[in-house]
Amino acid sequence: MLMVPKLRLVEPNNIYRKVPTRRPNAEMRTREYLTPAEVEKLIAAAKLGRHGHRDATLILVAFRHGLRAVEIADLEWSQVEWRHACGYALANAGHDTRLIQDWLGHRAIQHTARYTELSPTRFKDVWR
C-alpha cells in the first residue's frame, strides 16, 4: 500500500508580502545622550555603593570623554595607571613637587619629578 503525501510544494508568492519597518531612533527617543543633571544623579547614586568613589569617577570620565557603554566595559586600568593619572593631575594643577611626592608615597624625588616635566603650568607665575 502506497502512501500518498498530503502536502504539496508551493512556490513562494511575495507580491502582497509587507515587511514591517522599524521606526527611526529620533521618533522613539528625543535624545540619545545624558544631560549633566542626569550624570550628577548617576554619580550620587554610584557613591552609595561599595566602591563608590571609583564608580563615580568612572562615570565622570566616561561622560567627559563621550565613551559608550561598550568602550567603558573594555577599559582595563590598573592601580599604577590611576596613580600616574593622579600625579599628572596634581602637577598640572600646579601643586608643589614635594606635596605630590608625599601624596604618591615616593621615597625619591626623582620618581615624582617626571610628573612635573610635562606640566604646562610648570613655570606659570615664576616672575610674579
N, C-alpha and C. Protein backbone atom coordinates (compact mmCIF):
# COMPACT_ATOMS: atom_id res chain seq x y z
N MET A 1 0.83 -1.15 0.00
CA MET A 1 0.00 0.00 0.00
C MET A 1 0.89 1.24 0.00
N LEU A 2 0.70 2.06 -0.98
CA LEU A 2 1.47 3.29 -1.11
C LEU A 2 0.81 4.42 -0.35
N MET A 3 1.68 5.19 0.29
CA MET A 3 1.16 6.37 1.00
C MET A 3 1.22 7.57 0.07
N VAL A 4 0.18 8.27 0.01
CA VAL A 4 0.11 9.45 -0.83
C VAL A 4 0.34 10.67 0.09
N PRO A 5 1.35 11.50 -0.24
CA PRO A 5 1.59 12.65 0.62
C PRO A 5 0.44 13.66 0.53
N LYS A 6 0.11 14.22 1.71
CA LYS A 6 -0.97 15.19 1.75
C LYS A 6 -0.47 16.61 1.56
N LEU A 7 0.83 16.77 1.62
CA LEU A 7 1.40 18.09 1.42
C LEU A 7 1.87 18.24 0.00
N ARG A 8 1.82 19.44 -0.49
CA ARG A 8 2.33 19.68 -1.84
C ARG A 8 3.25 20.90 -1.81
N LEU A 9 4.18 20.95 -2.66
CA LEU A 9 5.16 22.03 -2.75
C LEU A 9 4.54 23.22 -3.46
N VAL A 10 4.64 24.39 -2.82
CA VAL A 10 4.05 25.60 -3.38
C VAL A 10 5.16 26.62 -3.60
N GLU A 11 5.13 27.30 -4.70
CA GLU A 11 6.10 28.35 -4.99
C GLU A 11 5.79 29.57 -4.12
N PRO A 12 6.82 30.27 -3.64
CA PRO A 12 6.56 31.45 -2.81
C PRO A 12 5.93 32.58 -3.63
N ASN A 13 5.07 33.33 -2.99
CA ASN A 13 4.41 34.44 -3.63
C ASN A 13 4.66 35.68 -2.77
N ASN A 14 5.53 36.57 -3.21
CA ASN A 14 5.90 37.75 -2.45
C ASN A 14 5.21 39.02 -2.92
N ILE A 15 4.19 38.88 -3.68
CA ILE A 15 3.55 40.06 -4.25
C ILE A 15 2.91 40.92 -3.17
N TYR A 16 2.19 40.33 -2.24
CA TYR A 16 1.46 41.09 -1.23
C TYR A 16 2.14 41.08 0.13
N ARG A 17 3.33 40.60 0.18
CA ARG A 17 4.04 40.49 1.46
C ARG A 17 4.64 41.85 1.84
N LYS A 18 4.41 42.26 3.09
CA LYS A 18 4.98 43.51 3.59
C LYS A 18 5.84 43.20 4.80
N VAL A 19 7.04 43.73 4.79
CA VAL A 19 7.94 43.56 5.91
C VAL A 19 7.79 44.78 6.81
N PRO A 20 7.54 44.55 8.10
CA PRO A 20 7.40 45.71 8.98
C PRO A 20 8.73 46.45 9.10
N THR A 21 8.66 47.75 9.08
CA THR A 21 9.88 48.55 9.21
C THR A 21 9.95 49.13 10.61
N ARG A 22 11.15 49.30 11.06
CA ARG A 22 11.40 49.85 12.39
C ARG A 22 11.39 51.37 12.29
N ARG A 23 10.78 52.00 13.30
CA ARG A 23 10.77 53.46 13.32
C ARG A 23 12.18 53.98 13.60
N PRO A 24 12.54 55.14 13.08
CA PRO A 24 13.86 55.72 13.36
C PRO A 24 14.01 56.05 14.85
N ASN A 25 15.25 56.04 15.32
CA ASN A 25 15.52 56.35 16.73
C ASN A 25 14.99 57.71 17.13
N ALA A 26 15.05 58.67 16.22
CA ALA A 26 14.60 60.03 16.53
C ALA A 26 13.12 60.06 16.90
N GLU A 27 12.33 59.14 16.36
CA GLU A 27 10.91 59.09 16.69
C GLU A 27 10.68 58.42 18.05
N MET A 28 11.54 57.47 18.41
CA MET A 28 11.35 56.74 19.66
C MET A 28 11.95 57.48 20.85
N ARG A 29 13.05 58.19 20.63
CA ARG A 29 13.69 58.94 21.71
C ARG A 29 13.95 60.35 21.21
N THR A 30 13.77 61.29 22.08
CA THR A 30 14.03 62.67 21.68
C THR A 30 15.52 62.98 21.69
N ARG A 31 16.29 62.22 22.49
CA ARG A 31 17.74 62.43 22.53
C ARG A 31 18.43 61.11 22.87
N GLU A 32 19.71 61.03 22.56
CA GLU A 32 20.48 59.81 22.80
C GLU A 32 21.70 60.09 23.66
N TYR A 33 21.56 60.97 24.60
CA TYR A 33 22.67 61.33 25.48
C TYR A 33 22.12 61.69 26.85
N LEU A 34 23.01 61.75 27.83
CA LEU A 34 22.62 62.14 29.18
C LEU A 34 22.90 63.63 29.38
N THR A 35 22.05 64.26 30.14
CA THR A 35 22.28 65.66 30.49
C THR A 35 23.21 65.72 31.70
N PRO A 36 23.87 66.85 31.93
CA PRO A 36 24.73 66.97 33.12
C PRO A 36 23.97 66.70 34.42
N ALA A 37 22.72 67.09 34.50
CA ALA A 37 21.93 66.83 35.71
C ALA A 37 21.73 65.33 35.92
N GLU A 38 21.48 64.60 34.83
CA GLU A 38 21.32 63.14 34.93
C GLU A 38 22.63 62.47 35.34
N VAL A 39 23.74 62.98 34.83
CA VAL A 39 25.04 62.43 35.19
C VAL A 39 25.31 62.67 36.67
N GLU A 40 24.96 63.85 37.17
CA GLU A 40 25.13 64.14 38.59
C GLU A 40 24.32 63.17 39.45
N LYS A 41 23.11 62.84 39.02
CA LYS A 41 22.29 61.87 39.75
C LYS A 41 22.94 60.49 39.73
N LEU A 42 23.48 60.10 38.58
CA LEU A 42 24.19 58.81 38.48
C LEU A 42 25.39 58.77 39.42
N ILE A 43 26.15 59.84 39.44
CA ILE A 43 27.33 59.91 40.29
C ILE A 43 26.93 59.82 41.76
N ALA A 44 25.88 60.53 42.14
CA ALA A 44 25.41 60.49 43.53
C ALA A 44 24.97 59.08 43.91
N ALA A 45 24.29 58.39 43.01
CA ALA A 45 23.86 57.02 43.28
C ALA A 45 25.05 56.08 43.34
N ALA A 46 26.05 56.30 42.48
CA ALA A 46 27.23 55.43 42.46
C ALA A 46 28.04 55.56 43.74
N LYS A 47 28.06 56.74 44.33
CA LYS A 47 28.83 56.97 45.56
C LYS A 47 28.29 56.18 46.74
N LEU A 48 27.06 55.70 46.64
CA LEU A 48 26.46 54.94 47.73
C LEU A 48 26.89 53.48 47.74
N GLY A 49 27.52 53.02 46.67
CA GLY A 49 27.92 51.62 46.55
C GLY A 49 29.21 51.31 47.29
N ARG A 50 29.62 50.06 47.20
CA ARG A 50 30.82 49.58 47.88
C ARG A 50 32.07 50.30 47.41
N HIS A 51 32.21 50.47 46.11
CA HIS A 51 33.35 51.18 45.53
C HIS A 51 32.87 52.50 44.95
N GLY A 52 32.22 53.28 45.79
CA GLY A 52 31.55 54.50 45.34
C GLY A 52 32.45 55.50 44.66
N HIS A 53 33.61 55.78 45.24
CA HIS A 53 34.49 56.79 44.65
C HIS A 53 34.98 56.34 43.27
N ARG A 54 35.35 55.07 43.16
CA ARG A 54 35.82 54.53 41.88
C ARG A 54 34.72 54.59 40.84
N ASP A 55 33.52 54.14 41.19
CA ASP A 55 32.42 54.11 40.24
C ASP A 55 32.00 55.51 39.81
N ALA A 56 31.96 56.43 40.77
CA ALA A 56 31.60 57.81 40.43
C ALA A 56 32.63 58.43 39.50
N THR A 57 33.90 58.14 39.75
CA THR A 57 34.97 58.66 38.89
C THR A 57 34.86 58.09 37.48
N LEU A 58 34.56 56.82 37.38
CA LEU A 58 34.41 56.19 36.06
C LEU A 58 33.25 56.80 35.28
N ILE A 59 32.16 57.08 35.95
CA ILE A 59 31.02 57.72 35.29
C ILE A 59 31.40 59.11 34.79
N LEU A 60 32.12 59.85 35.63
CA LEU A 60 32.54 61.20 35.24
C LEU A 60 33.50 61.16 34.06
N VAL A 61 34.47 60.24 34.08
CA VAL A 61 35.42 60.11 32.97
C VAL A 61 34.68 59.73 31.68
N ALA A 62 33.76 58.79 31.79
CA ALA A 62 33.01 58.35 30.61
C ALA A 62 32.18 59.50 30.03
N PHE A 63 31.56 60.29 30.90
CA PHE A 63 30.74 61.41 30.42
C PHE A 63 31.60 62.48 29.76
N ARG A 64 32.70 62.84 30.41
CA ARG A 64 33.54 63.91 29.86
C ARG A 64 34.22 63.53 28.55
N HIS A 65 34.49 62.25 28.37
CA HIS A 65 35.17 61.81 27.16
C HIS A 65 34.22 61.22 26.13
N GLY A 66 32.94 61.19 26.44
CA GLY A 66 31.95 60.70 25.48
C GLY A 66 32.06 59.22 25.19
N LEU A 67 32.39 58.42 26.20
CA LEU A 67 32.55 56.99 25.99
C LEU A 67 31.19 56.29 25.96
N ARG A 68 31.09 55.29 25.11
CA ARG A 68 29.89 54.45 25.08
C ARG A 68 30.05 53.32 26.10
N ALA A 69 28.96 52.65 26.42
CA ALA A 69 28.99 51.59 27.42
C ALA A 69 29.96 50.48 27.04
N VAL A 70 30.01 50.13 25.77
CA VAL A 70 30.90 49.06 25.33
C VAL A 70 32.37 49.49 25.48
N GLU A 71 32.64 50.76 25.28
CA GLU A 71 34.01 51.25 25.45
C GLU A 71 34.42 51.26 26.92
N ILE A 72 33.48 51.55 27.80
CA ILE A 72 33.77 51.52 29.23
C ILE A 72 34.07 50.10 29.68
N ALA A 73 33.30 49.15 29.16
CA ALA A 73 33.49 47.75 29.53
C ALA A 73 34.86 47.23 29.08
N ASP A 74 35.41 47.78 28.02
CA ASP A 74 36.71 47.34 27.52
C ASP A 74 37.89 47.97 28.23
N LEU A 75 37.63 48.97 29.09
CA LEU A 75 38.72 49.63 29.80
C LEU A 75 39.34 48.70 30.83
N GLU A 76 40.66 48.73 30.89
CA GLU A 76 41.38 47.96 31.90
C GLU A 76 42.45 48.88 32.47
N TRP A 77 42.17 49.44 33.64
CA TRP A 77 43.12 50.34 34.29
C TRP A 77 43.62 49.70 35.56
N SER A 78 44.90 49.72 35.73
CA SER A 78 45.48 49.19 36.95
C SER A 78 45.63 50.31 37.98
N GLN A 79 45.98 49.93 39.21
CA GLN A 79 46.20 50.95 40.24
C GLN A 79 47.36 51.85 39.87
N VAL A 80 48.36 51.31 39.20
CA VAL A 80 49.52 52.11 38.80
C VAL A 80 49.09 53.21 37.83
N GLU A 81 48.23 52.86 36.88
CA GLU A 81 47.76 53.86 35.91
C GLU A 81 46.93 54.95 36.59
N TRP A 82 46.14 54.57 37.59
CA TRP A 82 45.38 55.57 38.34
C TRP A 82 46.32 56.49 39.10
N ARG A 83 47.40 55.92 39.67
CA ARG A 83 48.37 56.73 40.40
C ARG A 83 49.06 57.71 39.46
N HIS A 84 49.42 57.24 38.26
CA HIS A 84 50.06 58.13 37.28
C HIS A 84 49.11 59.26 36.91
N ALA A 85 47.85 58.92 36.68
CA ALA A 85 46.87 59.94 36.32
C ALA A 85 46.73 60.97 37.44
N CYS A 86 46.73 60.50 38.66
CA CYS A 86 46.63 61.39 39.82
C CYS A 86 47.86 62.30 39.89
N GLY A 87 49.06 61.73 39.70
CA GLY A 87 50.29 62.52 39.73
C GLY A 87 50.31 63.60 38.68
N TYR A 88 49.91 63.27 37.46
CA TYR A 88 49.87 64.27 36.39
C TYR A 88 48.83 65.34 36.67
N ALA A 89 47.68 64.94 37.20
CA ALA A 89 46.62 65.91 37.51
C ALA A 89 47.08 66.89 38.59
N LEU A 90 47.75 66.39 39.61
CA LEU A 90 48.26 67.26 40.67
C LEU A 90 49.33 68.21 40.13
N ALA A 91 50.22 67.70 39.27
CA ALA A 91 51.28 68.54 38.69
C ALA A 91 50.67 69.60 37.77
N ASN A 92 49.68 69.21 36.98
CA ASN A 92 49.04 70.17 36.07
C ASN A 92 48.26 71.23 36.83
N ALA A 93 47.82 70.90 38.03
CA ALA A 93 47.11 71.87 38.85
C ALA A 93 48.07 72.83 39.54
N GLY A 94 49.38 72.59 39.39
CA GLY A 94 50.37 73.50 39.94
C GLY A 94 50.79 73.20 41.37
N HIS A 95 50.52 72.01 41.86
CA HIS A 95 50.91 71.67 43.24
C HIS A 95 52.42 71.45 43.35
N ASP A 96 52.92 71.64 44.53
CA ASP A 96 54.34 71.51 44.81
C ASP A 96 54.79 70.05 44.61
N THR A 97 56.00 69.88 44.08
CA THR A 97 56.53 68.55 43.81
C THR A 97 56.66 67.73 45.08
N ARG A 98 57.05 68.34 46.18
CA ARG A 98 57.18 67.61 47.45
C ARG A 98 55.82 67.13 47.95
N LEU A 99 54.80 67.95 47.74
CA LEU A 99 53.46 67.54 48.12
C LEU A 99 53.02 66.32 47.31
N ILE A 100 53.29 66.36 46.02
CA ILE A 100 52.95 65.22 45.14
C ILE A 100 53.73 63.99 45.56
N GLN A 101 54.99 64.17 45.92
CA GLN A 101 55.82 63.05 46.38
C GLN A 101 55.20 62.39 47.61
N ASP A 102 54.79 63.21 48.57
CA ASP A 102 54.16 62.66 49.78
C ASP A 102 52.83 61.98 49.46
N TRP A 103 52.05 62.60 48.60
CA TRP A 103 50.74 62.05 48.24
C TRP A 103 50.87 60.68 47.59
N LEU A 104 51.83 60.54 46.67
CA LEU A 104 52.01 59.28 45.95
C LEU A 104 52.86 58.27 46.71
N GLY A 105 53.52 58.72 47.79
CA GLY A 105 54.32 57.80 48.59
C GLY A 105 55.67 57.46 47.99
N HIS A 106 56.22 58.36 47.17
CA HIS A 106 57.54 58.10 46.58
C HIS A 106 58.63 58.38 47.61
N ARG A 107 59.64 57.54 47.62
CA ARG A 107 60.78 57.77 48.52
C ARG A 107 61.75 58.78 47.93
N ALA A 108 61.98 58.69 46.63
CA ALA A 108 62.93 59.59 45.97
C ALA A 108 62.17 60.61 45.12
N ILE A 109 62.65 61.83 45.14
CA ILE A 109 62.00 62.91 44.39
C ILE A 109 62.12 62.70 42.88
N GLN A 110 63.12 61.92 42.44
CA GLN A 110 63.28 61.67 41.00
C GLN A 110 62.06 60.97 40.41
N HIS A 111 61.42 60.11 41.21
CA HIS A 111 60.24 59.41 40.72
C HIS A 111 59.06 60.37 40.53
N THR A 112 59.02 61.40 41.35
CA THR A 112 57.93 62.37 41.28
C THR A 112 58.20 63.43 40.22
N ALA A 113 59.45 63.71 39.96
CA ALA A 113 59.82 64.78 39.03
C ALA A 113 59.28 64.54 37.62
N ARG A 114 59.09 63.30 37.23
CA ARG A 114 58.60 63.03 35.87
C ARG A 114 57.19 63.56 35.65
N TYR A 115 56.41 63.68 36.71
CA TYR A 115 55.05 64.21 36.56
C TYR A 115 55.08 65.71 36.26
N THR A 116 56.06 66.42 36.80
CA THR A 116 56.13 67.87 36.60
C THR A 116 56.81 68.24 35.30
N GLU A 117 57.55 67.32 34.68
CA GLU A 117 58.26 67.63 33.44
C GLU A 117 57.31 68.00 32.32
N LEU A 118 56.13 67.39 32.29
CA LEU A 118 55.17 67.65 31.21
C LEU A 118 54.08 68.64 31.61
N SER A 119 54.20 69.21 32.77
CA SER A 119 53.17 70.12 33.26
C SER A 119 53.21 71.44 32.51
N PRO A 120 52.07 71.86 31.93
CA PRO A 120 52.05 73.13 31.21
C PRO A 120 52.13 74.34 32.15
N THR A 121 51.84 74.13 33.42
CA THR A 121 51.87 75.24 34.38
C THR A 121 53.17 75.26 35.17
N ARG A 122 54.16 74.57 34.69
CA ARG A 122 55.42 74.42 35.43
C ARG A 122 56.08 75.77 35.76
N PHE A 123 56.10 76.68 34.80
CA PHE A 123 56.76 77.97 35.01
C PHE A 123 55.76 79.12 35.08
N LYS A 124 54.50 78.78 35.31
CA LYS A 124 53.47 79.82 35.39
C LYS A 124 53.71 80.68 36.61
N ASP A 125 53.65 81.97 36.44
CA ASP A 125 53.80 82.96 37.51
C ASP A 125 55.14 82.87 38.22
N VAL A 126 56.21 82.49 37.54
CA VAL A 126 57.52 82.40 38.19
C VAL A 126 58.02 83.79 38.57
N TRP A 127 57.76 84.79 37.72
CA TRP A 127 58.29 86.13 37.95
C TRP A 127 57.29 87.07 38.59
N ARG A 128 56.20 86.57 39.09
CA ARG A 128 55.20 87.45 39.70
C ARG A 128 55.32 87.45 41.19
